[in-house]
Amino acid sequence: MASQKPAYTRVLLKLSGEALMSMPSYGVDFERAQAIAQEIKDVHDLGVQVAIMIGGGNIFRGIRGTAVGLDRAAADQMGLLATVINGIALQEALEKVGLICRHVSAIEIKALAEPFIRRRVIRHLEKDRVVVFSAGIGSPYFTTDTAAALRALEIRAQVIMKATKVDGVFSADPMLDKTAKKFPTIHYIDVIKKGLTVMDSTAISLCKDNSMPILVFNLNKRGNIKR
């Protein structure tokens, strides 16, 4: 039987912090992290170079802090540090399934992660190492969606794979609205016009301006990353 040829050779996988937790609790579920790591290994074994942008919503989300009166910049910085915790957990899970992984933080934190140096990251990928990005772009007011779009462009990824809880892009949340319509494909400008929460508008605009495709899929269906 002929070996499978992957559709892409270099991808950026956007994972929310919630992907690492078992609902409805908070924090990191290491069994869940291990299962995701195994699925990433299945993709890596096809010869695909994989970079991952991890969020921090399972630990702390900046917008939650502003709701109780925290300064937005301070709240976002706390959220960025939450992604570093997730980055460490995901790196550990990836290494346990036999992958060589580099954790790269946009915030200088030498004891825990490498700094972001574009050429070094590309070299890691060329050497078949998985790269985990944490701390977004290192600045408040920018989401990890925007950071994912920026890093995907910087490392010359062919696609952003956006992991969600649903099977693609819908006109409304299909978990709340049974009449929600699924879009097989949709243009960036229509995502913005319709106010769809695929990724934030800054991320969508960045992808639009640079023709970066976004593939939205359901992470909860086993094998979907490879599929």
C-alpha atoms as a PDB file:
ATOM      1  CA  MET A   1       0.000   0.000   0.000  1.00  0.00           C
ATOM      2  CA  ALA A   2       1.389   3.421  -1.004  1.00  0.00           C
ATOM      3  CA  SER A   3       2.320   5.775   1.812  1.00  0.00           C
ATOM      4  CA  GLN A   4       0.042   8.726   2.417  1.00  0.00           C
ATOM      5  CA  LYS A   5       1.195  12.040   0.976  1.00  0.00           C
ATOM      6  CA  PRO A   6       0.333  14.944   3.292  1.00  0.00           C
ATOM      7  CA  ALA A   7      -1.592  17.947   1.946  1.00  0.00           C
ATOM      8  CA  TYR A   8       0.842  20.298   3.722  1.00  0.00           C
ATOM      9  CA  THR A   9       4.507  19.994   4.670  1.00  0.00           C
ATOM     10  CA  ARG A  10       4.636  22.792   7.272  1.00  0.00           C
ATOM     11  CA  VAL A  11       1.658  23.760   9.427  1.00  0.00           C
ATOM     12  CA  LEU A  12       0.897  25.963  12.396  1.00  0.00           C
ATOM     13  CA  LEU A  13      -1.587  24.379  14.775  1.00  0.00           C
ATOM     14  CA  LYS A  14      -3.515  26.845  16.954  1.00  0.00           C
ATOM     15  CA  LEU A  15      -4.596  25.251  20.220  1.00  0.00           C
ATOM     16  CA  SER A  16      -6.658  27.024  22.842  1.00  0.00           C
ATOM     17  CA  GLY A  17      -5.747  26.554  26.475  1.00  0.00           C
ATOM     18  CA  GLU A  18      -9.121  24.866  26.924  1.00  0.00           C
ATOM     19  CA  ALA A  19      -7.890  22.059  24.637  1.00  0.00           C
ATOM     20  CA  LEU A  20      -5.688  20.889  27.528  1.00  0.00           C
ATOM     21  CA  MET A  21      -8.417  20.635  30.127  1.00  0.00           C
ATOM     22  CA  SER A  22     -11.265  18.265  30.862  1.00  0.00           C
ATOM     23  CA  MET A  23     -14.538  20.139  31.062  1.00  0.00           C
ATOM     24  CA  PRO A  24     -15.765  21.760  33.176  1.00  0.00           C
ATOM     25  CA  SER A  25     -12.645  22.074  35.361  1.00  0.00           C
ATOM     26  CA  TYR A  26      -9.689  24.424  34.924  1.00  0.00           C
ATOM     27  CA  GLY A  27      -5.993  23.703  34.704  1.00  0.00           C
ATOM     28  CA  VAL A  28      -4.098  21.084  32.697  1.00  0.00           C
ATOM     29  CA  ASP A  29      -5.371  17.541  32.201  1.00  0.00           C
ATOM     30  CA  PHE A  30      -2.156  15.655  31.438  1.00  0.00           C
ATOM     31  CA  GLU A  31      -4.001  12.687  29.938  1.00  0.00           C
ATOM     32  CA  ARG A  32      -5.684  15.089  27.529  1.00  0.00           C
ATOM     33  CA  ALA A  33      -2.327  16.708  26.714  1.00  0.00           C
ATOM     34  CA  GLN A  34      -0.852  13.266  26.084  1.00  0.00           C
ATOM     35  CA  ALA A  35      -3.689  12.343  23.703  1.00  0.00           C
ATOM     36  CA  ILE A  36      -3.177  15.553  21.703  1.00  0.00           C
ATOM     37  CA  ALA A  37       0.576  14.927  21.646  1.00  0.00           C
ATOM     38  CA  GLN A  38       0.000  11.463  20.169  1.00  0.00           C
ATOM     39  CA  GLU A  39      -2.192  12.940  17.419  1.00  0.00           C
ATOM     40  CA  ILE A  40       0.518  15.495  16.641  1.00  0.00           C
ATOM     41  CA  LYS A  41       3.041  12.644  16.446  1.00  0.00           C
ATOM     42  CA  ASP A  42       0.793  10.869  13.914  1.00  0.00           C
ATOM     43  CA  VAL A  43       0.959  13.996  11.743  1.00  0.00           C
ATOM     44  CA  HIS A  44       4.687  14.452  12.285  1.00  0.00           C
ATOM     45  CA  ASP A  45       5.261  10.825  11.238  1.00  0.00           C
ATOM     46  CA  LEU A  46       3.812  11.703   7.819  1.00  0.00           C
ATOM     47  CA  GLY A  47       6.760  14.061   7.308  1.00  0.00           C
ATOM     48  CA  VAL A  48       4.896  17.244   8.270  1.00  0.00           C
ATOM     49  CA  GLN A  49       6.758  20.006  10.108  1.00  0.00           C
ATOM     50  CA  VAL A  50       4.576  21.157  13.012  1.00  0.00           C
ATOM     51  CA  ALA A  51       4.588  24.384  15.017  1.00  0.00           C
ATOM     52  CA  ILE A  52       1.968  24.997  17.705  1.00  0.00           C
ATOM     53  CA  MET A  53       0.636  28.234  19.178  1.00  0.00           C
ATOM     54  CA  ILE A  54      -0.860  27.523  22.599  1.00  0.00           C
ATOM     55  CA  GLY A  55      -3.395  29.682  24.447  1.00  0.00           C
ATOM     56  CA  GLY A  56      -3.888  30.051  28.192  1.00  0.00           C
ATOM     57  CA  GLY A  57      -7.648  30.233  28.779  1.00  0.00           C
ATOM     58  CA  ASN A  58      -7.683  27.075  30.900  1.00  0.00           C
ATOM     59  CA  ILE A  59      -5.637  28.930  33.532  1.00  0.00           C
ATOM     60  CA  PHE A  60      -6.276  32.650  33.080  1.00  0.00           C
ATOM     61  CA  ARG A  61      -7.833  34.756  30.358  1.00  0.00           C
ATOM     62  CA  GLY A  62      -6.987  38.460  30.304  1.00  0.00           C
ATOM     63  CA  ILE A  63     -10.520  39.560  29.504  1.00  0.00           C
ATOM     64  CA  ARG A  64     -11.703  37.766  32.641  1.00  0.00           C
ATOM     65  CA  GLY A  65      -9.316  39.866  34.694  1.00  0.00           C
ATOM     66  CA  THR A  66     -10.561  43.151  33.243  1.00  0.00           C
ATOM     67  CA  ALA A  67     -14.113  42.148  34.164  1.00  0.00           C
ATOM     68  CA  VAL A  68     -13.161  42.343  37.853  1.00  0.00           C
ATOM     69  CA  GLY A  69     -11.250  45.611  37.532  1.00  0.00           C
ATOM     70  CA  LEU A  70      -7.697  44.600  36.617  1.00  0.00           C
ATOM     71  CA  ASP A  71      -5.789  46.886  34.286  1.00  0.00           C
ATOM     72  CA  ARG A  72      -6.021  45.406  30.768  1.00  0.00           C
ATOM     73  CA  ALA A  73      -2.255  45.327  30.216  1.00  0.00           C
ATOM     74  CA  ALA A  74      -1.646  43.597  33.562  1.00  0.00           C
ATOM     75  CA  ALA A  75      -4.456  41.110  32.955  1.00  0.00           C
ATOM     76  CA  ASP A  76      -3.115  40.252  29.502  1.00  0.00           C
ATOM     77  CA  GLN A  77       0.377  39.759  30.923  1.00  0.00           C
ATOM     78  CA  MET A  78      -1.062  37.260  33.391  1.00  0.00           C
ATOM     79  CA  GLY A  79      -2.735  35.507  30.469  1.00  0.00           C
ATOM     80  CA  LEU A  80       0.560  35.368  28.581  1.00  0.00           C
ATOM     81  CA  LEU A  81       2.240  33.699  31.555  1.00  0.00           C
ATOM     82  CA  ALA A  82      -0.590  31.137  31.616  1.00  0.00           C
ATOM     83  CA  THR A  83       0.341  30.153  28.048  1.00  0.00           C
ATOM     84  CA  VAL A  84       3.936  29.548  29.195  1.00  0.00           C
ATOM     85  CA  ILE A  85       2.657  27.024  31.767  1.00  0.00           C
ATOM     86  CA  ASN A  86       0.693  25.296  28.997  1.00  0.00           C
ATOM     87  CA  GLY A  87       3.754  25.402  26.746  1.00  0.00           C
ATOM     88  CA  ILE A  88       5.798  23.531  29.354  1.00  0.00           C
ATOM     89  CA  ALA A  89       3.028  20.939  29.785  1.00  0.00           C
ATOM     90  CA  LEU A  90       2.641  20.417  26.038  1.00  0.00           C
ATOM     91  CA  GLN A  91       6.409  20.139  25.516  1.00  0.00           C
ATOM     92  CA  GLU A  92       6.546  17.459  28.203  1.00  0.00           C
ATOM     93  CA  ALA A  93       3.655  15.555  26.591  1.00  0.00           C
ATOM     94  CA  LEU A  94       5.243  15.735  23.134  1.00  0.00           C
ATOM     95  CA  GLU A  95       8.581  14.477  24.428  1.00  0.00           C
ATOM     96  CA  LYS A  96       6.864  11.571  26.201  1.00  0.00           C
ATOM     97  CA  VAL A  97       5.519  10.314  22.845  1.00  0.00           C
ATOM     98  CA  GLY A  98       9.023  10.440  21.371  1.00  0.00           C
ATOM     99  CA  LEU A  99       9.141  13.804  19.616  1.00  0.00           C
ATOM    100  CA  ILE A 100      11.988  16.306  19.903  1.00  0.00           C
ATOM    101  CA  CYS A 101      10.369  19.579  20.935  1.00  0.00           C
ATOM    102  CA  ARG A 102      11.478  23.159  21.431  1.00  0.00           C
ATOM    103  CA  HIS A 103       9.443  25.566  23.569  1.00  0.00           C
ATOM    104  CA  VAL A 104       9.760  29.139  22.288  1.00  0.00           C
ATOM    105  CA  SER A 105       8.409  32.045  24.344  1.00  0.00           C
ATOM    106  CA  ALA A 106       7.833  35.588  23.112  1.00  0.00           C
ATOM    107  CA  ILE A 107       8.616  36.745  26.666  1.00  0.00           C
ATOM    108  CA  GLU A 108      12.264  36.329  27.658  1.00  0.00           C
ATOM    109  CA  ILE A 109      12.250  33.544  30.219  1.00  0.00           C
ATOM    110  CA  LYS A 110      15.539  31.733  29.622  1.00  0.00           C
ATOM    111  CA  ALA A 111      15.193  29.138  32.368  1.00  0.00           C
ATOM    112  CA  LEU A 112      12.004  27.767  30.816  1.00  0.00           C
ATOM    113  CA  ALA A 113      11.984  28.454  27.076  1.00  0.00           C
ATOM    114  CA  GLU A 114      14.012  29.710  24.127  1.00  0.00           C
ATOM    115  CA  PRO A 115      13.508  33.273  22.867  1.00  0.00           C
ATOM    116  CA  PHE A 116      11.820  33.696  19.498  1.00  0.00           C
ATOM    117  CA  ILE A 117      14.447  33.981  16.762  1.00  0.00           C
ATOM    118  CA  ARG A 118      12.818  33.394  13.393  1.00  0.00           C
ATOM    119  CA  ARG A 119      15.713  31.716  11.611  1.00  0.00           C
ATOM    120  CA  ARG A 120      16.409  29.456  14.579  1.00  0.00           C
ATOM    121  CA  VAL A 121      12.769  28.361  14.705  1.00  0.00           C
ATOM    122  CA  ILE A 122      12.766  27.575  10.988  1.00  0.00           C
ATOM    123  CA  ARG A 123      15.949  25.549  11.487  1.00  0.00           C
ATOM    124  CA  HIS A 124      14.265  23.582  14.306  1.00  0.00           C
ATOM    125  CA  LEU A 125      11.434  22.708  11.930  1.00  0.00           C
ATOM    126  CA  GLU A 126      13.850  21.725   9.172  1.00  0.00           C
ATOM    127  CA  LYS A 127      15.511  19.364  11.657  1.00  0.00           C
ATOM    128  CA  ASP A 128      12.087  17.756  12.315  1.00  0.00           C
ATOM    129  CA  ARG A 129      11.669  19.252  15.770  1.00  0.00           C
ATOM    130  CA  VAL A 130       8.197  20.279  16.877  1.00  0.00           C
ATOM    131  CA  VAL A 131       8.049  23.905  18.033  1.00  0.00           C
ATOM    132  CA  VAL A 132       5.636  25.114  20.720  1.00  0.00           C
ATOM    133  CA  PHE A 133       5.053  28.870  20.802  1.00  0.00           C
ATOM    134  CA  SER A 134       3.886  30.492  24.038  1.00  0.00           C
ATOM    135  CA  ALA A 135       3.335  34.045  25.338  1.00  0.00           C
ATOM    136  CA  GLY A 136       1.627  35.162  22.121  1.00  0.00           C
ATOM    137  CA  ILE A 137       3.722  37.946  20.619  1.00  0.00           C
ATOM    138  CA  GLY A 138       4.768  39.095  24.092  1.00  0.00           C
ATOM    139  CA  SER A 139       2.534  42.174  24.214  1.00  0.00           C
ATOM    140  CA  PRO A 140      -0.864  42.876  25.796  1.00  0.00           C
ATOM    141  CA  TYR A 141      -3.918  43.648  23.648  1.00  0.00           C
ATOM    142  CA  PHE A 142      -2.939  40.971  21.107  1.00  0.00           C
ATOM    143  CA  THR A 143      -4.621  37.573  21.246  1.00  0.00           C
ATOM    144  CA  THR A 144      -2.941  34.245  20.624  1.00  0.00           C
ATOM    145  CA  ASP A 145      -5.031  34.078  17.418  1.00  0.00           C
ATOM    146  CA  THR A 146      -3.167  37.128  16.115  1.00  0.00           C
ATOM    147  CA  ALA A 147       0.103  35.641  17.365  1.00  0.00           C
ATOM    148  CA  ALA A 148      -0.698  32.410  15.491  1.00  0.00           C
ATOM    149  CA  ALA A 149      -1.272  34.352  12.263  1.00  0.00           C
ATOM    150  CA  LEU A 150       1.956  36.308  12.701  1.00  0.00           C
ATOM    151  CA  ARG A 151       4.103  33.270  13.533  1.00  0.00           C
ATOM    152  CA  ALA A 152       2.594  31.250  10.679  1.00  0.00           C
ATOM    153  CA  LEU A 153       3.662  33.958   8.249  1.00  0.00           C
ATOM    154  CA  GLU A 154       7.105  34.335   9.827  1.00  0.00           C
ATOM    155  CA  ILE A 155       7.915  30.621   9.616  1.00  0.00           C
ATOM    156  CA  ARG A 156       6.357  30.322   6.143  1.00  0.00           C
ATOM    157  CA  ALA A 157       3.722  27.789   7.186  1.00  0.00           C
ATOM    158  CA  GLN A 158       1.338  26.717   4.436  1.00  0.00           C
ATOM    159  CA  VAL A 159      -1.794  26.784   6.593  1.00  0.00           C
ATOM    160  CA  ILE A 160      -3.107  27.667  10.042  1.00  0.00           C
ATOM    161  CA  MET A 161      -5.004  24.732  11.539  1.00  0.00           C
ATOM    162  CA  LYS A 162      -7.427  26.204  14.062  1.00  0.00           C
ATOM    163  CA  ALA A 163      -8.570  23.583  16.572  1.00  0.00           C
ATOM    164  CA  THR A 164     -12.085  24.158  17.936  1.00  0.00           C
ATOM    165  CA  LYS A 165     -15.016  22.241  19.438  1.00  0.00           C
ATOM    166  CA  VAL A 166     -17.040  22.218  16.196  1.00  0.00           C
ATOM    167  CA  ASP A 167     -16.672  20.902  12.631  1.00  0.00           C
ATOM    168  CA  GLY A 168     -15.762  24.106  10.814  1.00  0.00           C
ATOM    169  CA  VAL A 169     -17.149  27.633  10.483  1.00  0.00           C
ATOM    170  CA  PHE A 170     -20.837  28.222  11.218  1.00  0.00           C
ATOM    171  CA  SER A 171     -23.189  31.200  11.003  1.00  0.00           C
ATOM    172  CA  ALA A 172     -23.724  30.862  14.779  1.00  0.00           C
ATOM    173  CA  ASP A 173     -22.538  28.600  17.568  1.00  0.00           C
ATOM    174  CA  PRO A 174     -23.971  25.191  16.545  1.00  0.00           C
ATOM    175  CA  MET A 175     -23.771  24.028  20.159  1.00  0.00           C
ATOM    176  CA  LEU A 176     -26.312  26.732  21.066  1.00  0.00           C
ATOM    177  CA  ASP A 177     -28.212  27.228  17.792  1.00  0.00           C
ATOM    178  CA  LYS A 178     -29.359  24.083  15.980  1.00  0.00           C
ATOM    179  CA  THR A 179     -30.244  26.162  12.893  1.00  0.00           C
ATOM    180  CA  ALA A 180     -26.646  27.370  12.467  1.00  0.00           C
ATOM    181  CA  LYS A 181     -25.426  26.990   8.886  1.00  0.00           C
ATOM    182  CA  LYS A 182     -22.011  25.514   8.129  1.00  0.00           C
ATOM    183  CA  PHE A 183     -19.870  27.234   5.503  1.00  0.00           C
ATOM    184  CA  PRO A 184     -17.836  24.737   3.418  1.00  0.00           C
ATOM    185  CA  THR A 185     -15.508  27.660   2.600  1.00  0.00           C
ATOM    186  CA  ILE A 186     -15.741  31.342   3.437  1.00  0.00           C
ATOM    187  CA  HIS A 187     -13.772  34.438   2.449  1.00  0.00           C
ATOM    188  CA  TYR A 188     -11.877  36.398   5.089  1.00  0.00           C
ATOM    189  CA  ILE A 189     -13.908  39.566   4.479  1.00  0.00           C
ATOM    190  CA  ASP A 190     -17.173  37.672   5.019  1.00  0.00           C
ATOM    191  CA  VAL A 191     -15.903  36.395   8.371  1.00  0.00           C
ATOM    192  CA  ILE A 192     -15.312  40.000   9.416  1.00  0.00           C
ATOM    193  CA  LYS A 193     -18.580  41.324   7.964  1.00  0.00           C
ATOM    194  CA  LYS A 194     -20.679  38.610   9.582  1.00  0.00           C
ATOM    195  CA  GLY A 195     -18.891  39.015  12.917  1.00  0.00           C
ATOM    196  CA  LEU A 196     -18.015  35.306  13.065  1.00  0.00           C
ATOM    197  CA  THR A 197     -15.774  34.335  15.957  1.00  0.00           C
ATOM    198  CA  VAL A 198     -13.426  32.057  14.023  1.00  0.00           C
ATOM    199  CA  MET A 199     -10.425  34.160  15.014  1.00  0.00           C
ATOM    200  CA  ASP A 200     -10.281  37.800  16.046  1.00  0.00           C
ATOM    201  CA  SER A 201     -10.501  40.457  13.321  1.00  0.00           C
ATOM    202  CA  THR A 202      -6.809  41.389  13.564  1.00  0.00           C
ATOM    203  CA  ALA A 203      -5.786  37.781  12.909  1.00  0.00           C
ATOM    204  CA  ILE A 204      -8.270  37.450  10.037  1.00  0.00           C
ATOM    205  CA  SER A 205      -7.051  40.695   8.454  1.00  0.00           C
ATOM    206  CA  LEU A 206      -3.432  39.578   8.721  1.00  0.00           C
ATOM    207  CA  CYS A 207      -4.260  36.276   7.031  1.00  0.00           C
ATOM    208  CA  LYS A 208      -6.312  38.069   4.362  1.00  0.00           C
ATOM    209  CA  ASP A 209      -3.536  40.524   3.514  1.00  0.00           C
ATOM    210  CA  ASN A 210      -1.027  37.681   3.151  1.00  0.00           C
ATOM    211  CA  SER A 211      -3.281  34.976   1.644  1.00  0.00           C
ATOM    212  CA  MET A 212      -2.757  32.594   4.573  1.00  0.00           C
ATOM    213  CA  PRO A 213      -5.442  29.879   4.553  1.00  0.00           C
ATOM    214  CA  ILE A 214      -7.156  28.899   7.819  1.00  0.00           C
ATOM    215  CA  LEU A 215      -8.482  25.371   8.285  1.00  0.00           C
ATOM    216  CA  VAL A 216     -11.013  25.091  11.122  1.00  0.00           C
ATOM    217  CA  PHE A 217     -11.652  21.631  12.545  1.00  0.00           C
ATOM    218  CA  ASN A 218     -13.037  19.790  15.564  1.00  0.00           C
ATOM    219  CA  LEU A 219     -10.221  18.739  17.900  1.00  0.00           C
ATOM    220  CA  ASN A 220     -12.546  16.494  19.908  1.00  0.00           C
ATOM    221  CA  LYS A 221     -12.850  13.963  17.070  1.00  0.00           C
ATOM    222  CA  ARG A 222      -9.909  11.606  17.354  1.00  0.00           C
ATOM    223  CA  GLY A 223      -7.657  11.619  14.289  1.00  0.00           C
ATOM    224  CA  ASN A 224      -8.937  14.960  12.986  1.00  0.00           C
ATOM    225  CA  ILE A 225      -5.535  16.679  12.997  1.00  0.00           C
ATOM    226  CA  LYS A 226      -4.151  13.994  10.680  1.00  0.00           C
ATOM    227  CA  ARG A 227      -7.379  13.834   8.682  1.00  0.00           C
END
